[in-house]
Amino acid sequence: MLPKRFRVIRPYLASFLHSNFDRPGIDEVAHWLFQPGKEGRASKFLVKQDEEGEYLKFYFRGFEETPFYYPKSCSWIDF
């Protein structure tokens, strides 16, 4: 399955059929298509990740002493 960020192609292609849509530049489309995924973007901010019971425990860069707790049952979209 393709990542959801590839959905940006559909409006770009529709702009060729429907002239009332503004066509973004190919450099902007390429930026959205080939950027790192969620985990890759988040990894530059995370120092460490642990599990503690029903929670995930995150340590962020700059706040290494204070863990951030997030429920395992919640979606990553909410995070």
N, C-alpha and C. Protein backbone atom coordinates (compact mmCIF):
# COMPACT_ATOMS: atom_id res chain seq x y z
N MET A 1 0.84 -1.18 0.00
CA MET A 1 0.00 0.00 0.00
C MET A 1 0.89 1.25 0.00
N LEU A 2 0.47 2.23 -0.74
CA LEU A 2 1.23 3.48 -0.82
C LEU A 2 0.97 4.34 0.40
N PRO A 3 1.97 5.09 0.83
CA PRO A 3 1.74 6.02 1.95
C PRO A 3 0.69 7.06 1.59
N LYS A 4 0.02 7.58 2.59
CA LYS A 4 -1.05 8.54 2.36
C LYS A 4 -0.56 9.82 1.71
N ARG A 5 0.72 10.14 1.87
CA ARG A 5 1.23 11.38 1.29
C ARG A 5 1.22 11.32 -0.24
N PHE A 6 1.08 10.12 -0.84
CA PHE A 6 1.02 10.02 -2.29
C PHE A 6 -0.34 10.47 -2.83
N ARG A 7 -1.28 10.78 -1.94
CA ARG A 7 -2.57 11.31 -2.37
C ARG A 7 -2.43 12.69 -3.00
N VAL A 8 -1.29 13.33 -2.84
CA VAL A 8 -1.06 14.65 -3.42
C VAL A 8 -1.02 14.56 -4.95
N ILE A 9 -0.80 13.39 -5.50
CA ILE A 9 -0.72 13.23 -6.95
C ILE A 9 -2.08 13.44 -7.61
N ARG A 10 -3.13 13.01 -6.96
CA ARG A 10 -4.46 13.08 -7.57
C ARG A 10 -4.88 14.52 -7.90
N PRO A 11 -4.80 15.47 -6.94
CA PRO A 11 -5.15 16.84 -7.32
C PRO A 11 -4.22 17.43 -8.38
N TYR A 12 -2.96 17.03 -8.34
CA TYR A 12 -2.02 17.52 -9.35
C TYR A 12 -2.44 17.05 -10.74
N LEU A 13 -2.78 15.77 -10.86
CA LEU A 13 -3.23 15.25 -12.15
C LEU A 13 -4.57 15.84 -12.55
N ALA A 14 -5.45 16.08 -11.59
CA ALA A 14 -6.76 16.69 -11.90
C ALA A 14 -6.61 18.09 -12.46
N SER A 15 -5.54 18.77 -12.09
CA SER A 15 -5.34 20.12 -12.59
C SER A 15 -5.09 20.14 -14.10
N PHE A 16 -4.69 19.01 -14.68
CA PHE A 16 -4.53 18.94 -16.13
C PHE A 16 -5.88 18.82 -16.83
N LEU A 17 -6.86 18.21 -16.15
CA LEU A 17 -8.18 18.03 -16.74
C LEU A 17 -9.10 19.22 -16.50
N HIS A 18 -8.99 19.83 -15.34
CA HIS A 18 -9.87 20.92 -14.95
C HIS A 18 -9.05 22.19 -14.82
N SER A 19 -9.27 23.12 -15.71
CA SER A 19 -8.43 24.31 -15.75
C SER A 19 -8.70 25.28 -14.60
N ASN A 20 -9.80 25.07 -13.83
CA ASN A 20 -10.08 26.00 -12.73
C ASN A 20 -9.26 25.69 -11.48
N PHE A 21 -8.45 24.62 -11.48
CA PHE A 21 -7.55 24.32 -10.37
C PHE A 21 -6.19 24.93 -10.63
N ASP A 22 -5.60 25.51 -9.61
CA ASP A 22 -4.23 26.00 -9.72
C ASP A 22 -3.28 24.81 -9.61
N ARG A 23 -2.37 24.72 -10.54
CA ARG A 23 -1.42 23.61 -10.54
C ARG A 23 -0.19 24.00 -9.72
N PRO A 24 0.13 23.24 -8.68
CA PRO A 24 1.36 23.53 -7.93
C PRO A 24 2.58 23.16 -8.77
N GLY A 25 3.68 23.77 -8.43
CA GLY A 25 4.92 23.46 -9.14
C GLY A 25 5.38 22.05 -8.84
N ILE A 26 6.12 21.46 -9.76
CA ILE A 26 6.58 20.08 -9.58
C ILE A 26 7.52 19.98 -8.39
N ASP A 27 8.25 21.08 -8.07
CA ASP A 27 9.13 21.05 -6.91
C ASP A 27 8.33 20.94 -5.60
N GLU A 28 7.16 21.57 -5.56
CA GLU A 28 6.31 21.47 -4.37
C GLU A 28 5.71 20.06 -4.24
N VAL A 29 5.28 19.49 -5.35
CA VAL A 29 4.74 18.13 -5.33
C VAL A 29 5.82 17.14 -4.91
N ALA A 30 7.02 17.30 -5.45
CA ALA A 30 8.13 16.40 -5.09
C ALA A 30 8.48 16.53 -3.61
N HIS A 31 8.41 17.75 -3.08
CA HIS A 31 8.68 17.94 -1.65
C HIS A 31 7.72 17.11 -0.81
N TRP A 32 6.43 17.13 -1.11
CA TRP A 32 5.45 16.39 -0.33
C TRP A 32 5.54 14.89 -0.55
N LEU A 33 5.94 14.49 -1.75
CA LEU A 33 6.03 13.05 -2.04
C LEU A 33 7.22 12.38 -1.38
N PHE A 34 8.36 13.06 -1.35
CA PHE A 34 9.59 12.41 -0.95
C PHE A 34 10.12 12.85 0.41
N GLN A 35 9.29 13.50 1.21
CA GLN A 35 9.73 13.83 2.56
C GLN A 35 9.74 12.55 3.41
N PRO A 36 10.52 12.51 4.48
CA PRO A 36 10.55 11.32 5.33
C PRO A 36 9.17 11.07 5.96
N GLY A 37 8.92 9.83 6.35
CA GLY A 37 7.67 9.49 7.01
C GLY A 37 7.60 10.05 8.43
N LYS A 38 6.51 9.76 9.12
CA LYS A 38 6.31 10.27 10.48
C LYS A 38 7.44 9.87 11.42
N GLU A 39 7.84 8.61 11.34
CA GLU A 39 8.88 8.12 12.23
C GLU A 39 10.21 8.81 11.95
N GLY A 40 10.51 9.02 10.68
CA GLY A 40 11.75 9.68 10.31
C GLY A 40 11.79 11.13 10.76
N ARG A 41 10.66 11.83 10.62
CA ARG A 41 10.61 13.23 11.06
C ARG A 41 10.67 13.33 12.57
N ALA A 42 10.05 12.40 13.28
CA ALA A 42 10.03 12.45 14.74
C ALA A 42 11.36 12.03 15.36
N SER A 43 12.13 11.21 14.65
CA SER A 43 13.36 10.68 15.23
C SER A 43 14.38 11.77 15.58
N LYS A 44 14.32 12.90 14.90
CA LYS A 44 15.28 13.96 15.22
C LYS A 44 14.93 14.67 16.53
N PHE A 45 13.72 14.47 17.05
CA PHE A 45 13.31 15.08 18.31
C PHE A 45 13.33 14.11 19.49
N LEU A 46 13.27 12.80 19.20
CA LEU A 46 13.24 11.80 20.26
C LEU A 46 14.63 11.35 20.65
N VAL A 47 14.85 11.23 21.95
CA VAL A 47 16.12 10.71 22.46
C VAL A 47 15.97 9.23 22.75
N LYS A 48 14.84 8.87 23.37
CA LYS A 48 14.63 7.49 23.80
C LYS A 48 13.13 7.21 23.91
N GLN A 49 12.75 5.95 23.69
CA GLN A 49 11.36 5.52 23.82
C GLN A 49 11.33 4.21 24.58
N ASP A 50 10.50 4.13 25.62
CA ASP A 50 10.34 2.92 26.42
C ASP A 50 8.87 2.58 26.55
N GLU A 51 8.58 1.37 27.02
CA GLU A 51 7.21 0.97 27.35
C GLU A 51 7.12 0.83 28.86
N GLU A 52 6.02 1.31 29.39
CA GLU A 52 5.78 1.17 30.83
C GLU A 52 4.29 0.87 31.03
N GLY A 53 3.97 -0.41 31.20
CA GLY A 53 2.58 -0.81 31.37
C GLY A 53 1.77 -0.52 30.12
N GLU A 54 0.69 0.24 30.25
CA GLU A 54 -0.15 0.57 29.11
C GLU A 54 0.28 1.85 28.41
N TYR A 55 1.43 2.36 28.77
CA TYR A 55 1.89 3.64 28.23
C TYR A 55 3.22 3.50 27.50
N LEU A 56 3.42 4.37 26.53
CA LEU A 56 4.72 4.54 25.90
C LEU A 56 5.36 5.75 26.57
N LYS A 57 6.62 5.65 26.85
CA LYS A 57 7.33 6.72 27.53
C LYS A 57 8.37 7.29 26.57
N PHE A 58 8.26 8.58 26.28
CA PHE A 58 9.14 9.26 25.34
C PHE A 58 10.01 10.26 26.07
N TYR A 59 11.25 10.36 25.63
CA TYR A 59 12.17 11.38 26.12
C TYR A 59 12.55 12.25 24.92
N PHE A 60 12.23 13.53 24.99
CA PHE A 60 12.49 14.45 23.89
C PHE A 60 13.79 15.20 24.09
N ARG A 61 14.42 15.56 23.00
CA ARG A 61 15.65 16.35 23.01
C ARG A 61 15.37 17.68 23.71
N GLY A 62 16.21 18.02 24.67
CA GLY A 62 16.02 19.25 25.44
C GLY A 62 15.22 19.04 26.72
N PHE A 63 14.52 17.90 26.82
CA PHE A 63 13.73 17.57 28.01
C PHE A 63 14.04 16.14 28.45
N GLU A 64 15.30 15.77 28.44
CA GLU A 64 15.70 14.39 28.72
C GLU A 64 15.35 13.92 30.12
N GLU A 65 15.23 14.84 31.08
CA GLU A 65 14.93 14.46 32.47
C GLU A 65 13.45 14.18 32.69
N THR A 66 12.59 14.75 31.85
CA THR A 66 11.14 14.64 32.04
C THR A 66 10.54 13.75 30.96
N PRO A 67 10.05 12.55 31.31
CA PRO A 67 9.43 11.70 30.28
C PRO A 67 8.02 12.19 29.93
N PHE A 68 7.61 11.90 28.72
CA PHE A 68 6.26 12.18 28.25
C PHE A 68 5.56 10.85 28.09
N TYR A 69 4.42 10.66 28.76
CA TYR A 69 3.68 9.40 28.71
C TYR A 69 2.54 9.51 27.71
N TYR A 70 2.37 8.47 26.89
CA TYR A 70 1.30 8.44 25.89
C TYR A 70 0.68 7.04 25.90
N PRO A 71 -0.66 6.95 25.95
CA PRO A 71 -1.31 5.63 26.00
C PRO A 71 -1.06 4.82 24.73
N LYS A 72 -0.77 3.54 24.90
CA LYS A 72 -0.56 2.65 23.75
C LYS A 72 -1.82 2.50 22.92
N SER A 73 -2.97 2.61 23.56
CA SER A 73 -4.23 2.37 22.87
C SER A 73 -4.64 3.51 21.95
N CYS A 74 -4.02 4.68 22.07
CA CYS A 74 -4.39 5.83 21.24
C CYS A 74 -3.68 5.80 19.89
N SER A 75 -4.25 6.50 18.95
CA SER A 75 -3.71 6.57 17.61
C SER A 75 -2.51 7.52 17.54
N TRP A 76 -1.60 7.25 16.60
CA TRP A 76 -0.46 8.13 16.39
C TRP A 76 -0.90 9.48 15.85
N ILE A 77 -2.04 9.52 15.18
CA ILE A 77 -2.58 10.78 14.65
C ILE A 77 -2.86 11.74 15.81
N ASP A 78 -3.37 11.21 16.92
CA ASP A 78 -3.65 12.04 18.09
C ASP A 78 -2.37 12.58 18.70
N PHE A 79 -1.30 11.81 18.60
CA PHE A 79 -0.02 12.21 19.20
C PHE A 79 0.52 13.41 18.48
